N, C-alpha and C. Protein backbone atom coordinates (compact mmCIF):
# COMPACT_ATOMS: atom_id res chain seq x y z
N MET A 1 0.60 -15.83 23.72
CA MET A 1 -0.36 -15.87 22.63
C MET A 1 -0.26 -14.62 21.75
N ASN A 2 -0.10 -13.45 22.40
CA ASN A 2 0.03 -12.22 21.62
C ASN A 2 1.28 -12.23 20.75
N GLU A 3 2.33 -12.87 21.23
CA GLU A 3 3.58 -12.93 20.46
C GLU A 3 3.40 -13.76 19.20
N ILE A 4 2.65 -14.85 19.30
CA ILE A 4 2.42 -15.72 18.14
C ILE A 4 1.58 -15.00 17.09
N ILE A 5 0.51 -14.36 17.52
CA ILE A 5 -0.34 -13.62 16.59
C ILE A 5 0.42 -12.43 16.01
N GLY A 6 1.20 -11.74 16.84
CA GLY A 6 2.01 -10.63 16.35
C GLY A 6 3.02 -11.08 15.31
N THR A 7 3.64 -12.24 15.53
CA THR A 7 4.58 -12.78 14.56
C THR A 7 3.88 -13.13 13.25
N ILE A 8 2.68 -13.66 13.33
CA ILE A 8 1.92 -13.98 12.11
C ILE A 8 1.62 -12.70 11.33
N PHE A 9 1.19 -11.64 12.01
CA PHE A 9 0.93 -10.38 11.32
C PHE A 9 2.20 -9.79 10.69
N ILE A 10 3.31 -9.90 11.39
CA ILE A 10 4.56 -9.37 10.86
C ILE A 10 4.99 -10.16 9.62
N VAL A 11 4.86 -11.49 9.67
CA VAL A 11 5.23 -12.31 8.51
C VAL A 11 4.32 -12.02 7.33
N ILE A 12 3.02 -11.87 7.57
CA ILE A 12 2.10 -11.52 6.49
C ILE A 12 2.45 -10.15 5.91
N GLY A 13 2.79 -9.21 6.77
CA GLY A 13 3.20 -7.89 6.31
C GLY A 13 4.46 -7.94 5.47
N LEU A 14 5.42 -8.75 5.89
CA LEU A 14 6.65 -8.90 5.11
C LEU A 14 6.39 -9.54 3.76
N ILE A 15 5.47 -10.50 3.71
CA ILE A 15 5.11 -11.12 2.42
C ILE A 15 4.49 -10.09 1.50
N PHE A 16 3.57 -9.27 2.01
CA PHE A 16 2.96 -8.23 1.19
C PHE A 16 4.00 -7.21 0.72
N ASP A 17 4.92 -6.85 1.60
CA ASP A 17 5.98 -5.92 1.20
C ASP A 17 6.86 -6.52 0.11
N PHE A 18 7.21 -7.79 0.25
CA PHE A 18 8.03 -8.44 -0.77
C PHE A 18 7.30 -8.51 -2.11
N LEU A 19 6.03 -8.90 -2.09
CA LEU A 19 5.27 -8.99 -3.33
C LEU A 19 5.05 -7.61 -3.96
N GLY A 20 4.89 -6.58 -3.15
CA GLY A 20 4.77 -5.23 -3.67
C GLY A 20 6.05 -4.77 -4.34
N CYS A 21 7.18 -5.08 -3.74
CA CYS A 21 8.47 -4.73 -4.36
C CYS A 21 8.68 -5.51 -5.65
N LEU A 22 8.26 -6.75 -5.67
CA LEU A 22 8.34 -7.56 -6.88
C LEU A 22 7.43 -6.96 -7.97
N GLY A 23 6.27 -6.47 -7.57
CA GLY A 23 5.36 -5.82 -8.52
C GLY A 23 5.94 -4.54 -9.10
N LEU A 24 6.70 -3.82 -8.31
CA LEU A 24 7.35 -2.60 -8.83
C LEU A 24 8.35 -2.93 -9.93
N ILE A 25 8.96 -4.08 -9.85
CA ILE A 25 9.94 -4.47 -10.85
C ILE A 25 9.26 -5.08 -12.08
N ARG A 26 8.23 -5.90 -11.87
CA ARG A 26 7.68 -6.72 -12.94
C ARG A 26 6.51 -6.11 -13.70
N LEU A 27 5.76 -5.21 -13.13
CA LEU A 27 4.55 -4.71 -13.79
C LEU A 27 4.89 -3.70 -14.89
N PRO A 28 4.02 -3.61 -15.92
CA PRO A 28 4.41 -2.91 -17.15
C PRO A 28 4.32 -1.39 -17.15
N ASP A 29 3.38 -0.78 -16.45
CA ASP A 29 3.25 0.68 -16.56
C ASP A 29 3.14 1.32 -15.19
N VAL A 30 3.08 2.65 -15.21
CA VAL A 30 3.10 3.41 -13.96
C VAL A 30 1.85 3.16 -13.11
N TYR A 31 0.72 2.90 -13.75
CA TYR A 31 -0.51 2.70 -13.00
C TYR A 31 -0.52 1.36 -12.26
N ASN A 32 -0.05 0.32 -12.92
CA ASN A 32 0.06 -0.99 -12.25
C ASN A 32 1.10 -0.95 -11.15
N ARG A 33 2.20 -0.27 -11.38
CA ARG A 33 3.24 -0.16 -10.36
C ARG A 33 2.75 0.65 -9.16
N LEU A 34 1.95 1.66 -9.45
CA LEU A 34 1.39 2.47 -8.37
C LEU A 34 0.42 1.65 -7.53
N LEU A 35 -0.36 0.79 -8.18
CA LEU A 35 -1.26 -0.09 -7.44
C LEU A 35 -0.47 -1.04 -6.55
N ALA A 36 0.61 -1.61 -7.10
CA ALA A 36 1.43 -2.54 -6.31
C ALA A 36 2.06 -1.84 -5.12
N SER A 37 2.56 -0.64 -5.33
CA SER A 37 3.20 0.07 -4.21
C SER A 37 2.18 0.50 -3.16
N ALA A 38 0.98 0.88 -3.58
CA ALA A 38 -0.05 1.28 -2.62
C ALA A 38 -0.50 0.08 -1.77
N LYS A 39 -0.67 -1.07 -2.42
CA LYS A 39 -1.04 -2.27 -1.66
C LYS A 39 0.09 -2.70 -0.73
N CYS A 40 1.31 -2.55 -1.21
CA CYS A 40 2.48 -2.91 -0.41
C CYS A 40 2.51 -2.07 0.86
N VAL A 41 2.34 -0.78 0.72
CA VAL A 41 2.40 0.10 1.88
C VAL A 41 1.21 -0.13 2.80
N THR A 42 0.01 -0.18 2.22
CA THR A 42 -1.18 -0.28 3.04
C THR A 42 -1.24 -1.62 3.78
N LEU A 43 -1.13 -2.72 3.07
CA LEU A 43 -1.30 -4.02 3.71
C LEU A 43 -0.02 -4.50 4.40
N GLY A 44 1.12 -4.30 3.75
CA GLY A 44 2.37 -4.80 4.31
C GLY A 44 2.81 -4.04 5.54
N THR A 45 2.93 -2.75 5.41
CA THR A 45 3.42 -1.94 6.52
C THR A 45 2.42 -1.90 7.66
N CYS A 46 1.14 -1.86 7.34
CA CYS A 46 0.15 -1.88 8.41
C CYS A 46 0.13 -3.22 9.13
N GLY A 47 0.38 -4.31 8.42
CA GLY A 47 0.48 -5.61 9.07
C GLY A 47 1.65 -5.66 10.03
N ILE A 48 2.78 -5.11 9.60
CA ILE A 48 3.96 -5.09 10.46
C ILE A 48 3.71 -4.21 11.70
N LEU A 49 3.10 -3.07 11.50
CA LEU A 49 2.82 -2.18 12.63
C LEU A 49 1.81 -2.79 13.60
N PHE A 50 0.82 -3.49 13.06
CA PHE A 50 -0.15 -4.13 13.96
C PHE A 50 0.50 -5.28 14.73
N GLY A 51 1.39 -6.00 14.07
CA GLY A 51 2.15 -7.04 14.78
C GLY A 51 3.02 -6.46 15.89
N LEU A 52 3.62 -5.30 15.61
CA LEU A 52 4.40 -4.61 16.63
C LEU A 52 3.52 -4.20 17.81
N PHE A 53 2.31 -3.72 17.50
CA PHE A 53 1.39 -3.35 18.57
C PHE A 53 1.04 -4.57 19.43
N LEU A 54 0.83 -5.71 18.78
CA LEU A 54 0.52 -6.92 19.55
C LEU A 54 1.70 -7.35 20.42
N PHE A 55 2.91 -7.13 19.93
CA PHE A 55 4.09 -7.44 20.74
C PHE A 55 4.21 -6.52 21.94
N LYS A 56 4.08 -5.22 21.72
CA LYS A 56 4.34 -4.24 22.77
C LYS A 56 3.13 -3.99 23.67
N GLY A 57 1.93 -4.20 23.17
CA GLY A 57 0.74 -3.97 23.98
C GLY A 57 0.43 -2.48 24.11
N PHE A 58 -0.25 -2.13 25.19
CA PHE A 58 -0.67 -0.75 25.40
C PHE A 58 0.42 0.05 26.11
N THR A 59 1.57 0.16 25.43
CA THR A 59 2.67 0.98 25.93
C THR A 59 2.82 2.16 24.99
N ALA A 60 3.82 3.00 25.25
CA ALA A 60 4.05 4.15 24.38
C ALA A 60 4.39 3.70 22.95
N THR A 61 5.19 2.65 22.84
CA THR A 61 5.55 2.13 21.52
C THR A 61 4.35 1.55 20.81
N GLY A 62 3.49 0.86 21.54
CA GLY A 62 2.27 0.29 20.94
C GLY A 62 1.33 1.36 20.43
N PHE A 63 1.16 2.44 21.21
CA PHE A 63 0.29 3.53 20.76
C PHE A 63 0.87 4.24 19.54
N LYS A 64 2.20 4.39 19.51
CA LYS A 64 2.83 5.00 18.33
C LYS A 64 2.64 4.14 17.10
N ALA A 65 2.72 2.83 17.26
CA ALA A 65 2.49 1.92 16.14
C ALA A 65 1.06 2.04 15.63
N LEU A 66 0.10 2.14 16.55
CA LEU A 66 -1.30 2.30 16.14
C LEU A 66 -1.53 3.64 15.44
N LEU A 67 -0.90 4.70 15.93
CA LEU A 67 -1.05 6.00 15.28
C LEU A 67 -0.45 6.01 13.88
N CYS A 68 0.71 5.39 13.73
CA CYS A 68 1.32 5.29 12.40
C CYS A 68 0.45 4.44 11.47
N LEU A 69 -0.12 3.36 12.00
CA LEU A 69 -1.01 2.50 11.22
C LEU A 69 -2.22 3.29 10.73
N LEU A 70 -2.83 4.06 11.61
CA LEU A 70 -3.98 4.87 11.24
C LEU A 70 -3.62 5.91 10.19
N PHE A 71 -2.48 6.56 10.36
CA PHE A 71 -2.03 7.56 9.40
C PHE A 71 -1.80 6.95 8.03
N ILE A 72 -1.17 5.79 7.98
CA ILE A 72 -0.91 5.13 6.70
C ILE A 72 -2.22 4.68 6.06
N LEU A 73 -3.14 4.15 6.84
CA LEU A 73 -4.43 3.73 6.29
C LEU A 73 -5.21 4.89 5.69
N LEU A 74 -5.06 6.07 6.26
CA LEU A 74 -5.79 7.23 5.75
C LEU A 74 -5.10 7.90 4.57
N THR A 75 -3.79 7.87 4.51
CA THR A 75 -3.10 8.65 3.49
C THR A 75 -2.62 7.87 2.28
N ALA A 76 -2.26 6.61 2.42
CA ALA A 76 -1.69 5.86 1.30
C ALA A 76 -2.65 5.68 0.13
N PRO A 77 -3.90 5.26 0.34
CA PRO A 77 -4.80 5.13 -0.81
C PRO A 77 -5.14 6.47 -1.47
N VAL A 78 -5.26 7.51 -0.67
CA VAL A 78 -5.58 8.83 -1.22
C VAL A 78 -4.41 9.36 -2.05
N SER A 79 -3.20 9.19 -1.56
CA SER A 79 -2.05 9.68 -2.32
C SER A 79 -1.83 8.86 -3.58
N ALA A 80 -2.09 7.55 -3.54
CA ALA A 80 -1.96 6.73 -4.75
C ALA A 80 -2.98 7.16 -5.80
N HIS A 81 -4.20 7.45 -5.37
CA HIS A 81 -5.21 7.92 -6.32
C HIS A 81 -4.82 9.26 -6.92
N ALA A 82 -4.32 10.17 -6.08
CA ALA A 82 -3.93 11.49 -6.58
C ALA A 82 -2.76 11.38 -7.57
N LEU A 83 -1.81 10.51 -7.29
CA LEU A 83 -0.69 10.31 -8.22
C LEU A 83 -1.14 9.70 -9.53
N ALA A 84 -2.05 8.73 -9.48
CA ALA A 84 -2.54 8.10 -10.70
C ALA A 84 -3.34 9.10 -11.54
N ARG A 85 -4.16 9.87 -10.91
CA ARG A 85 -4.97 10.85 -11.65
C ARG A 85 -4.09 11.94 -12.27
N SER A 86 -3.13 12.43 -11.52
CA SER A 86 -2.25 13.47 -12.07
C SER A 86 -1.36 12.91 -13.18
N SER A 87 -0.96 11.64 -13.07
CA SER A 87 -0.19 11.02 -14.15
C SER A 87 -1.02 10.93 -15.41
N TYR A 88 -2.27 10.54 -15.27
CA TYR A 88 -3.15 10.43 -16.44
C TYR A 88 -3.39 11.79 -17.07
N LEU A 89 -3.67 12.78 -16.24
CA LEU A 89 -3.95 14.11 -16.77
C LEU A 89 -2.72 14.78 -17.37
N SER A 90 -1.53 14.36 -16.96
CA SER A 90 -0.33 14.94 -17.55
C SER A 90 0.11 14.22 -18.82
N GLY A 91 -0.61 13.17 -19.20
CA GLY A 91 -0.37 12.54 -20.49
C GLY A 91 0.37 11.22 -20.46
N VAL A 92 0.54 10.61 -19.30
CA VAL A 92 1.20 9.30 -19.24
C VAL A 92 0.21 8.27 -19.76
N LYS A 93 0.60 7.57 -20.82
CA LYS A 93 -0.29 6.59 -21.45
C LYS A 93 -0.29 5.27 -20.69
N PRO A 94 -1.48 4.66 -20.59
CA PRO A 94 -1.54 3.32 -19.99
C PRO A 94 -0.90 2.28 -20.91
N TRP A 95 -0.65 1.13 -20.36
CA TRP A 95 -0.09 0.01 -21.09
C TRP A 95 -1.03 -0.39 -22.22
N GLN A 96 -0.51 -0.94 -23.32
CA GLN A 96 -1.33 -1.31 -24.47
C GLN A 96 -2.36 -2.38 -24.13
N GLY A 97 -2.07 -3.23 -23.19
CA GLY A 97 -2.98 -4.30 -22.81
C GLY A 97 -4.01 -3.90 -21.76
N THR A 98 -4.14 -2.63 -21.49
CA THR A 98 -5.10 -2.17 -20.49
C THR A 98 -6.52 -2.44 -20.97
N VAL A 99 -7.35 -3.02 -20.12
CA VAL A 99 -8.70 -3.41 -20.50
C VAL A 99 -9.68 -2.25 -20.35
N ALA A 100 -9.60 -1.50 -19.27
CA ALA A 100 -10.56 -0.42 -18.99
C ALA A 100 -9.81 0.89 -18.78
N ASP A 101 -10.41 1.96 -19.29
CA ASP A 101 -9.86 3.31 -19.10
C ASP A 101 -10.99 4.20 -18.62
N GLU A 102 -11.12 4.33 -17.32
CA GLU A 102 -12.23 5.06 -16.72
C GLU A 102 -12.15 6.57 -16.95
N TYR A 103 -10.95 7.10 -17.12
CA TYR A 103 -10.78 8.55 -17.26
C TYR A 103 -10.88 9.00 -18.72
N LYS A 104 -11.01 8.08 -19.67
CA LYS A 104 -10.95 8.45 -21.08
C LYS A 104 -12.06 9.42 -21.49
N ASP A 105 -13.26 9.21 -21.01
CA ASP A 105 -14.39 10.05 -21.40
C ASP A 105 -14.53 11.31 -20.54
N GLU A 106 -13.72 11.43 -19.51
CA GLU A 106 -13.80 12.58 -18.61
C GLU A 106 -13.09 13.79 -19.20
N LYS A 107 -13.69 14.96 -19.02
CA LYS A 107 -13.05 16.19 -19.52
C LYS A 107 -11.89 16.56 -18.62
N ARG A 108 -10.88 17.16 -19.23
CA ARG A 108 -9.71 17.56 -18.47
C ARG A 108 -9.88 18.89 -17.92
């Protein structure tokens, strides 16, 4: 049973990774691409690692997978936000079709 659920998590993770890579190619500006890559890493890689944990169980490899999962969950969204904010503050313009600009009224 754990193998079936682990395989499902790994396949879902691979789908998220594939769609994130597709987003890096297809999306128009650095902010949209950063969002795609952050979702790819957070959901895709964490899905794969959780599937690996379900395969291996409570062994050394399983604990390492859980530790890597926790580290990625804590660092990937924070680093994506820091990169987006520093890109905006350094003058990278958003795409012309951008609907909302939350940082526009903020002082630099």
